[in-house]
Amino acid sequence: MLFAMSRNPEEPVYNRIEEARSTLGFTRQELADKVGVHYQTIGYLEREEYSPSLVLALRIAKALNQEVIELFSLTPLKKGR
């Protein structure tokens, strides 16, 4: 069985990226431009199909004016805080 190196199928990373992005009125493209990734990467992250690197998580938190702990968790997050 092959696993992509950037994924960790045993421990997903849950997030509130879409909620925070929408609150600020950013499109996926705008957020992607701010953090230096392709807009599809933002979609993968929002759907929790991909876990971000620490550097990317920090960039996303900064771009969304949030603390990392407010956006990312190893346990499921309640949407809408």
C-alpha atoms as a PDB file:
ATOM      1  CA  MET A   1       0.000   0.000   0.000  1.00  0.00           C
ATOM      2  CA  LEU A   2       1.374   3.428  -0.956  1.00  0.00           C
ATOM      3  CA  PHE A   3       0.790   6.614   1.004  1.00  0.00           C
ATOM      4  CA  ALA A   4       1.571  10.120  -0.124  1.00  0.00           C
ATOM      5  CA  MET A   5       4.351  11.571   1.997  1.00  0.00           C
ATOM      6  CA  SER A   6       2.331  14.682   2.849  1.00  0.00           C
ATOM      7  CA  ARG A   7      -0.628  12.776   4.247  1.00  0.00           C
ATOM      8  CA  ASN A   8      -0.988  11.089   7.592  1.00  0.00           C
ATOM      9  CA  PRO A   9      -3.956   8.712   7.253  1.00  0.00           C
ATOM     10  CA  GLU A  10      -3.711   7.605  10.882  1.00  0.00           C
ATOM     11  CA  GLU A  11      -4.143  11.039  12.460  1.00  0.00           C
ATOM     12  CA  PRO A  12      -6.068  13.661  10.486  1.00  0.00           C
ATOM     13  CA  VAL A  13      -5.747  17.365  11.183  1.00  0.00           C
ATOM     14  CA  TYR A  14      -9.108  19.071  11.592  1.00  0.00           C
ATOM     15  CA  ASN A  15      -9.506  22.764  10.834  1.00  0.00           C
ATOM     16  CA  ARG A  16     -11.693  25.849  10.644  1.00  0.00           C
ATOM     17  CA  ILE A  17      -9.971  27.387   7.617  1.00  0.00           C
ATOM     18  CA  GLU A  18     -13.117  27.778   5.523  1.00  0.00           C
ATOM     19  CA  GLU A  19     -15.031  29.424   8.355  1.00  0.00           C
ATOM     20  CA  ALA A  20     -12.223  31.893   9.109  1.00  0.00           C
ATOM     21  CA  ARG A  21     -11.613  32.596   5.412  1.00  0.00           C
ATOM     22  CA  SER A  22     -15.305  33.252   4.754  1.00  0.00           C
ATOM     23  CA  THR A  23     -15.574  35.529   7.784  1.00  0.00           C
ATOM     24  CA  LEU A  24     -12.832  37.718   6.316  1.00  0.00           C
ATOM     25  CA  GLY A  25     -14.401  37.580   2.858  1.00  0.00           C
ATOM     26  CA  PHE A  26     -11.399  35.882   1.222  1.00  0.00           C
ATOM     27  CA  THR A  27     -11.776  33.542  -1.724  1.00  0.00           C
ATOM     28  CA  ARG A  28      -9.701  30.371  -1.808  1.00  0.00           C
ATOM     29  CA  GLN A  29      -7.535  32.050  -4.438  1.00  0.00           C
ATOM     30  CA  GLU A  30      -6.934  35.112  -2.264  1.00  0.00           C
ATOM     31  CA  LEU A  31      -5.916  32.994   0.725  1.00  0.00           C
ATOM     32  CA  ALA A  32      -3.737  30.813  -1.486  1.00  0.00           C
ATOM     33  CA  ASP A  33      -1.965  33.903  -2.832  1.00  0.00           C
ATOM     34  CA  LYS A  34      -1.349  35.185   0.707  1.00  0.00           C
ATOM     35  CA  VAL A  35       0.231  31.912   1.872  1.00  0.00           C
ATOM     36  CA  GLY A  36       2.009  30.896  -1.349  1.00  0.00           C
ATOM     37  CA  VAL A  37       0.099  27.791  -2.438  1.00  0.00           C
ATOM     38  CA  HIS A  38      -2.270  26.806  -5.251  1.00  0.00           C
ATOM     39  CA  TYR A  39      -5.958  27.540  -4.612  1.00  0.00           C
ATOM     40  CA  GLN A  40      -6.716  23.812  -4.873  1.00  0.00           C
ATOM     41  CA  THR A  41      -4.463  23.213  -1.871  1.00  0.00           C
ATOM     42  CA  ILE A  42      -6.749  25.441   0.195  1.00  0.00           C
ATOM     43  CA  GLY A  43      -9.695  23.317  -0.941  1.00  0.00           C
ATOM     44  CA  TYR A  44      -7.926  20.097   0.049  1.00  0.00           C
ATOM     45  CA  LEU A  45      -7.134  21.564   3.443  1.00  0.00           C
ATOM     46  CA  GLU A  46     -10.686  22.824   4.012  1.00  0.00           C
ATOM     47  CA  ARG A  47     -12.105  19.385   3.164  1.00  0.00           C
ATOM     48  CA  GLU A  48      -9.533  17.856   5.538  1.00  0.00           C
ATOM     49  CA  GLU A  49      -8.143  15.712   2.709  1.00  0.00           C
ATOM     50  CA  TYR A  50      -4.639  17.020   3.359  1.00  0.00           C
ATOM     51  CA  SER A  51      -2.741  17.979   6.503  1.00  0.00           C
ATOM     52  CA  PRO A  52      -0.675  21.163   6.288  1.00  0.00           C
ATOM     53  CA  SER A  53       2.984  21.388   7.150  1.00  0.00           C
ATOM     54  CA  LEU A  54       3.756  23.387  10.264  1.00  0.00           C
ATOM     55  CA  VAL A  55       5.040  26.269   8.139  1.00  0.00           C
ATOM     56  CA  LEU A  56       1.862  26.315   6.046  1.00  0.00           C
ATOM     57  CA  ALA A  57      -0.351  26.128   9.151  1.00  0.00           C
ATOM     58  CA  LEU A  58       1.512  29.117  10.601  1.00  0.00           C
ATOM     59  CA  ARG A  59       1.191  31.083   7.336  1.00  0.00           C
ATOM     60  CA  ILE A  60      -2.542  30.339   7.144  1.00  0.00           C
ATOM     61  CA  ALA A  61      -3.092  31.375  10.756  1.00  0.00           C
ATOM     62  CA  LYS A  62      -1.222  34.648  10.174  1.00  0.00           C
ATOM     63  CA  ALA A  63      -3.132  35.395   6.955  1.00  0.00           C
ATOM     64  CA  LEU A  64      -6.451  34.760   8.732  1.00  0.00           C
ATOM     65  CA  ASN A  65      -5.494  36.735  11.861  1.00  0.00           C
ATOM     66  CA  GLN A  66      -5.945  33.627  14.012  1.00  0.00           C
ATOM     67  CA  GLU A  67      -3.844  31.594  16.395  1.00  0.00           C
ATOM     68  CA  VAL A  68      -2.870  28.140  15.098  1.00  0.00           C
ATOM     69  CA  ILE A  69      -4.738  26.484  17.970  1.00  0.00           C
ATOM     70  CA  GLU A  70      -7.936  28.305  16.931  1.00  0.00           C
ATOM     71  CA  LEU A  71      -7.708  26.911  13.384  1.00  0.00           C
ATOM     72  CA  PHE A  72      -6.227  23.415  13.725  1.00  0.00           C
ATOM     73  CA  SER A  73      -6.806  20.413  15.979  1.00  0.00           C
ATOM     74  CA  LEU A  74      -6.114  16.688  16.194  1.00  0.00           C
ATOM     75  CA  THR A  75      -9.703  16.201  17.438  1.00  0.00           C
ATOM     76  CA  PRO A  76     -12.822  17.167  15.498  1.00  0.00           C
ATOM     77  CA  LEU A  77     -13.747  20.825  15.848  1.00  0.00           C
ATOM     78  CA  LYS A  78     -17.227  22.205  16.289  1.00  0.00           C
ATOM     79  CA  LYS A  79     -17.906  24.557  13.431  1.00  0.00           C
ATOM     80  CA  GLY A  80     -19.032  28.033  14.335  1.00  0.00           C
ATOM     81  CA  ARG A  81     -17.108  28.059  17.637  1.00  0.00           C
END
